[in-house]
């Protein structure tokens, strides 16, 4: 075989191999959440490198498309067939503004210049939500089988209180390449859906992909997970939807 043909064959093999890696990193999973007495419908997650789409189990919640590659979130209202694109900075600001609305603002803060007032409000809100307290994620020498996956146990603690218990698996070999994306995507989700904040922190150090996690009496379990091949349109608002002014989702 000539050198030219060898080079061409090598390019083909590299291309096929790289495509396989990309395809292997495309995942779909479904979760159910509930307490001992109730289970809500299935929530769905669609993942590709630097992209995550989250379809809530509650029909009145919007579909959220986190575009890490664009630094923005698409908030899609499937009932009204509308969507808004919100930058990460504005997404965070919306949460802070909403928190300030329900927060009792001290009189001395109200009278500060706008920039100082905004900064002081952020400090007070953070202190109120205890975000500055030390958080530890501890691995526990305990394993169990969940949905066909062998899982290891971790607990997330803050000021001596257990915030989250996570069972995670190493069976998803691609998880390590997904970890930073999922951590960042769940962090963005948590800015307007605080219940997800603990998971975004735990993802940084748990031992594998989370198959089950529990916060108080509420437990979320992955019911199904599989590899998929996504087109770019999967992480865009549906064709024909009208673009609208951004608003805090689900509020």
Protein backbone atom coordinates (compact mmCIF):
# COMPACT_ATOMS: atom_id res chain seq x y z
CA UNK A 1 0.00 0.00 0.00
CA UNK A 2 1.36 3.45 -0.90
CA UNK A 3 2.21 6.07 1.73
CA UNK A 4 -0.66 8.19 0.43
CA UNK A 5 -3.15 5.37 0.95
CA UNK A 6 -1.74 4.63 4.39
CA UNK A 7 -2.19 8.26 5.38
CA UNK A 8 -5.75 8.25 4.02
CA UNK A 9 -6.55 5.06 5.96
CA UNK A 10 -5.10 6.57 9.13
CA UNK A 11 -7.24 9.69 8.73
CA UNK A 12 -10.35 7.52 8.28
CA UNK A 13 -9.53 5.48 11.39
CA UNK A 14 -8.90 8.61 13.44
CA UNK A 15 -12.12 10.18 12.23
CA UNK A 16 -14.15 7.06 12.99
CA UNK A 17 -12.47 6.72 16.38
CA UNK A 18 -13.13 10.36 17.29
CA UNK A 19 -16.74 10.06 16.15
CA UNK A 20 -17.15 7.03 18.36
CA UNK A 21 -15.83 9.02 21.33
CA UNK A 22 -18.28 11.83 20.62
CA UNK A 23 -21.20 9.44 20.24
CA UNK A 24 -20.23 7.61 23.42
CA UNK A 25 -20.48 10.91 25.33
CA UNK A 26 -24.09 11.50 24.27
CA UNK A 27 -26.48 10.25 26.96
CA UNK A 28 -30.16 10.26 27.83
CA UNK A 29 -31.53 9.41 31.26
CA UNK A 30 -34.84 9.47 33.11
CA UNK A 31 -35.37 10.05 36.81
CA UNK A 32 -38.28 9.77 39.23
CA UNK A 33 -38.52 11.76 42.44
CA UNK A 34 -40.74 11.29 45.46
CA UNK A 35 -41.04 10.45 49.12
CA UNK A 36 -42.29 7.25 50.71
CA UNK A 37 -45.90 8.05 49.81
CA UNK A 38 -45.71 9.65 46.37
CA UNK A 39 -43.75 9.44 43.13
CA UNK A 40 -43.95 12.22 40.57
CA UNK A 41 -43.76 11.57 36.80
CA UNK A 42 -40.51 11.08 34.96
CA UNK A 43 -37.99 13.90 34.43
CA UNK A 44 -35.70 13.66 31.40
CA UNK A 45 -32.12 14.75 30.75
CA UNK A 46 -30.37 14.95 27.37
CA UNK A 47 -26.57 15.34 27.39
CA UNK A 48 -23.94 16.12 24.76
CA UNK A 49 -20.54 17.73 25.40
CA UNK A 50 -21.10 21.32 26.65
CA UNK A 51 -24.90 20.95 26.41
CA UNK A 52 -27.68 19.69 28.69
CA UNK A 53 -31.44 19.73 28.22
CA UNK A 54 -33.63 19.19 31.27
CA UNK A 55 -37.32 18.37 30.93
CA UNK A 56 -39.02 18.65 34.33
CA UNK A 57 -41.41 16.03 35.65
CA UNK A 58 -43.91 18.84 36.32
CA UNK A 59 -45.78 19.81 33.17
CA UNK A 60 -46.07 23.49 34.13
CA UNK A 61 -42.28 23.87 34.44
CA UNK A 62 -40.38 25.05 31.36
CA UNK A 63 -37.89 22.93 29.47
CA UNK A 64 -34.39 24.22 30.18
CA UNK A 65 -31.52 23.95 27.70
CA UNK A 66 -28.17 24.81 29.28
CA UNK A 67 -25.70 25.81 26.57
CA UNK A 68 -22.29 25.91 28.22
CA UNK A 69 -20.79 26.56 24.78
CA UNK A 70 -22.88 29.77 24.46
CA UNK A 71 -22.88 30.82 28.10
CA UNK A 72 -26.67 30.92 28.16
CA UNK A 73 -29.89 29.10 29.05
CA UNK A 74 -32.89 28.60 26.78
CA UNK A 75 -36.13 28.67 28.78
CA UNK A 76 -38.74 26.92 26.61
CA UNK A 77 -42.47 27.12 27.37
CA UNK A 78 -43.98 24.19 25.50
CA UNK A 79 -47.55 25.14 26.42
CA UNK A 80 -47.29 28.62 24.89
CA UNK A 81 -44.73 27.61 22.24
CA UNK A 82 -42.37 30.40 23.29
CA UNK A 83 -38.75 30.61 24.45
CA UNK A 84 -36.26 33.07 25.88
CA UNK A 85 -32.47 32.96 25.83
CA UNK A 86 -30.84 34.21 29.03
CA UNK A 87 -27.11 34.75 29.58
CA UNK A 88 -25.60 33.08 32.63
CA UNK A 89 -24.98 36.53 34.16
CA UNK A 90 -28.64 37.55 33.73
CA UNK A 91 -29.80 34.11 34.91
CA UNK A 92 -27.88 34.64 38.16
CA UNK A 93 -29.12 38.22 38.50
CA UNK A 94 -32.74 37.08 38.17
CA UNK A 95 -32.34 34.77 41.14
CA UNK A 96 -30.74 37.52 43.23
CA UNK A 97 -33.49 39.98 42.38
CA UNK A 98 -36.19 37.47 43.27
CA UNK A 99 -34.46 36.64 46.55
CA UNK A 100 -34.20 40.36 47.36
CA UNK A 101 -37.97 40.75 46.80
CA UNK A 102 -38.81 38.25 49.53
CA UNK A 103 -35.90 39.24 51.77
CA UNK A 104 -36.47 41.73 54.61
CA UNK A 105 -34.13 44.54 53.58
CA UNK A 106 -32.72 46.43 56.59
CA UNK A 107 -33.37 50.21 56.49
CA UNK A 108 -29.66 51.06 56.52
CA UNK A 109 -29.19 48.92 53.37
CA UNK A 110 -32.15 50.51 51.60
CA UNK A 111 -30.49 53.92 51.85
CA UNK A 112 -27.16 52.88 50.33
CA UNK A 113 -26.15 53.94 46.79
CA UNK A 114 -27.39 51.44 44.19
CA UNK A 115 -24.07 49.62 43.62
CA UNK A 116 -23.33 49.30 47.35
CA UNK A 117 -26.93 48.25 48.07
CA UNK A 118 -26.77 45.50 45.43
CA UNK A 119 -23.47 44.18 46.81
CA UNK A 120 -24.73 44.25 50.41
CA UNK A 121 -27.95 42.46 49.44
CA UNK A 122 -25.96 39.67 47.82
CA UNK A 123 -23.93 39.28 51.01
CA UNK A 124 -27.05 39.16 53.18
CA UNK A 125 -28.83 36.68 50.92
CA UNK A 126 -25.76 34.42 50.86
CA UNK A 127 -25.53 34.59 54.65
CA UNK A 128 -29.23 33.80 55.01
CA UNK A 129 -28.97 30.72 52.79
CA UNK A 130 -25.82 29.58 54.65
CA UNK A 131 -23.89 29.31 51.37
CA UNK A 132 -20.60 30.31 52.99
CA UNK A 133 -20.58 27.43 55.48
CA UNK A 134 -18.10 24.65 54.89
CA UNK A 135 -19.45 21.71 52.90
CA UNK A 136 -17.86 18.24 53.04
CA UNK A 137 -18.52 15.30 50.75
CA UNK A 138 -17.55 12.05 52.46
CA UNK A 139 -17.22 8.64 50.80
CA UNK A 140 -18.75 5.86 52.88
CA UNK A 141 -17.42 2.25 52.63
CA UNK A 142 -20.80 0.90 51.60
CA UNK A 143 -22.14 -0.39 48.28
CA UNK A 144 -25.45 -1.63 46.88
CA UNK A 145 -27.02 -2.56 43.55
CA UNK A 146 -29.45 0.02 42.11
CA UNK A 147 -31.16 -0.49 38.74
CA UNK A 148 -28.51 -3.00 37.75
CA UNK A 149 -25.56 -0.74 38.68
CA UNK A 150 -23.17 -1.37 41.55
CA UNK A 151 -23.11 1.93 43.46
CA UNK A 152 -20.92 3.49 46.14
CA UNK A 153 -22.27 5.77 48.86
CA UNK A 154 -21.32 9.39 49.58
CA UNK A 155 -22.85 11.90 51.96
CA UNK A 156 -22.71 15.68 51.75
CA UNK A 157 -22.60 17.45 55.11
CA UNK A 158 -22.73 21.07 56.22
CA UNK A 159 -22.27 22.21 59.80
CA UNK A 160 -22.75 18.61 60.97
CA UNK A 161 -26.01 18.18 59.07
CA UNK A 162 -26.49 15.72 56.20
CA UNK A 163 -27.73 17.63 53.15
CA UNK A 164 -27.54 14.91 50.54
CA UNK A 165 -26.92 11.17 50.30
CA UNK A 166 -25.66 9.99 46.89
CA UNK A 167 -25.26 6.51 45.40
CA UNK A 168 -23.03 6.65 42.33
CA UNK A 169 -21.59 4.17 39.84
CA UNK A 170 -18.34 3.84 37.94
CA UNK A 171 -20.05 1.73 35.26
CA UNK A 172 -20.39 4.79 33.00
CA UNK A 173 -16.82 5.00 31.77
CA UNK A 174 -17.43 8.36 30.08
CA UNK A 175 -18.52 10.05 33.32
CA UNK A 176 -15.11 11.55 34.07
CA UNK A 177 -15.18 13.40 30.74
CA UNK A 178 -18.76 14.51 31.53
CA UNK A 179 -18.16 15.51 35.16
CA UNK A 180 -17.13 19.14 34.64
CA UNK A 181 -19.98 19.76 32.16
CA UNK A 182 -22.60 18.28 34.48
CA UNK A 183 -21.20 20.13 37.49
CA UNK A 184 -21.39 23.45 35.65
CA UNK A 185 -24.79 22.73 34.08
CA UNK A 186 -26.37 21.71 37.40
CA UNK A 187 -24.83 24.79 39.01
CA UNK A 188 -26.59 26.98 36.45
CA UNK A 189 -29.86 25.09 37.05
CA UNK A 190 -29.48 25.51 40.80
CA UNK A 191 -29.39 29.31 40.58
CA UNK A 192 -33.14 29.30 39.93
CA UNK A 193 -33.88 25.78 41.21
CA UNK A 194 -32.09 25.75 44.62
CA UNK A 195 -32.97 22.10 45.26
CA UNK A 196 -30.31 21.19 42.69
CA UNK A 197 -27.52 23.16 44.39
CA UNK A 198 -26.37 20.31 46.61
CA UNK A 199 -26.06 17.95 43.65
CA UNK A 200 -23.94 20.41 41.67
CA UNK A 201 -21.52 20.62 44.62
CA UNK A 202 -21.47 16.85 45.23
CA UNK A 203 -20.76 16.12 41.55
CA UNK A 204 -17.27 17.57 41.95
CA UNK A 205 -16.10 14.69 44.12
CA UNK A 206 -18.53 11.74 44.16
CA UNK A 207 -17.27 8.37 42.92
CA UNK A 208 -18.99 8.12 39.53
CA UNK A 209 -22.34 8.99 37.94
CA UNK A 210 -25.19 9.58 40.47
CA UNK A 211 -27.82 6.84 40.14
CA UNK A 212 -29.72 7.82 43.28
CA UNK A 213 -29.63 10.80 45.61
CA UNK A 214 -31.74 11.75 48.61
CA UNK A 215 -32.41 15.13 50.25
CA UNK A 216 -34.43 14.76 53.44
CA UNK A 217 -37.37 12.45 52.66
CA UNK A 218 -37.22 13.17 48.93
CA UNK A 219 -35.37 10.63 46.80
CA UNK A 220 -34.46 10.83 43.11
CA UNK A 221 -33.56 7.64 41.22
CA UNK A 222 -32.37 7.12 37.66
CA UNK A 223 -34.86 4.73 36.07
CA UNK A 224 -33.21 4.44 32.68
CA UNK A 225 -29.97 5.59 31.11
CA UNK A 226 -28.71 4.96 27.59
CA UNK A 227 -26.40 6.27 24.92
CA UNK A 228 -27.97 8.35 22.18
CA UNK A 229 -26.84 10.24 19.09
CA UNK A 230 -28.09 13.83 19.11
CA UNK A 231 -28.41 16.34 16.31
CA UNK A 232 -27.72 20.03 16.99
CA UNK A 233 -31.46 20.75 16.87
CA UNK A 234 -31.94 18.75 20.09
CA UNK A 235 -30.38 21.63 22.03
CA UNK A 236 -32.17 24.47 20.28
CA UNK A 237 -35.71 25.81 20.85
CA UNK A 238 -38.23 23.96 18.65
CA UNK A 239 -38.73 25.39 15.20
CA UNK A 240 -41.65 27.81 15.03
CA UNK A 241 -41.53 28.84 18.70
CA UNK A 242 -41.73 32.59 19.34
CA UNK A 243 -38.88 34.35 21.14
CA UNK A 244 -39.99 36.29 24.23
CA UNK A 245 -38.58 38.51 26.99
CA UNK A 246 -36.64 36.58 29.66
CA UNK A 247 -38.37 35.96 32.97
CA UNK A 248 -37.59 33.89 36.04
CA UNK A 249 -38.80 30.38 35.10
CA UNK A 250 -41.63 28.72 36.95
CA UNK A 251 -42.39 31.79 39.07
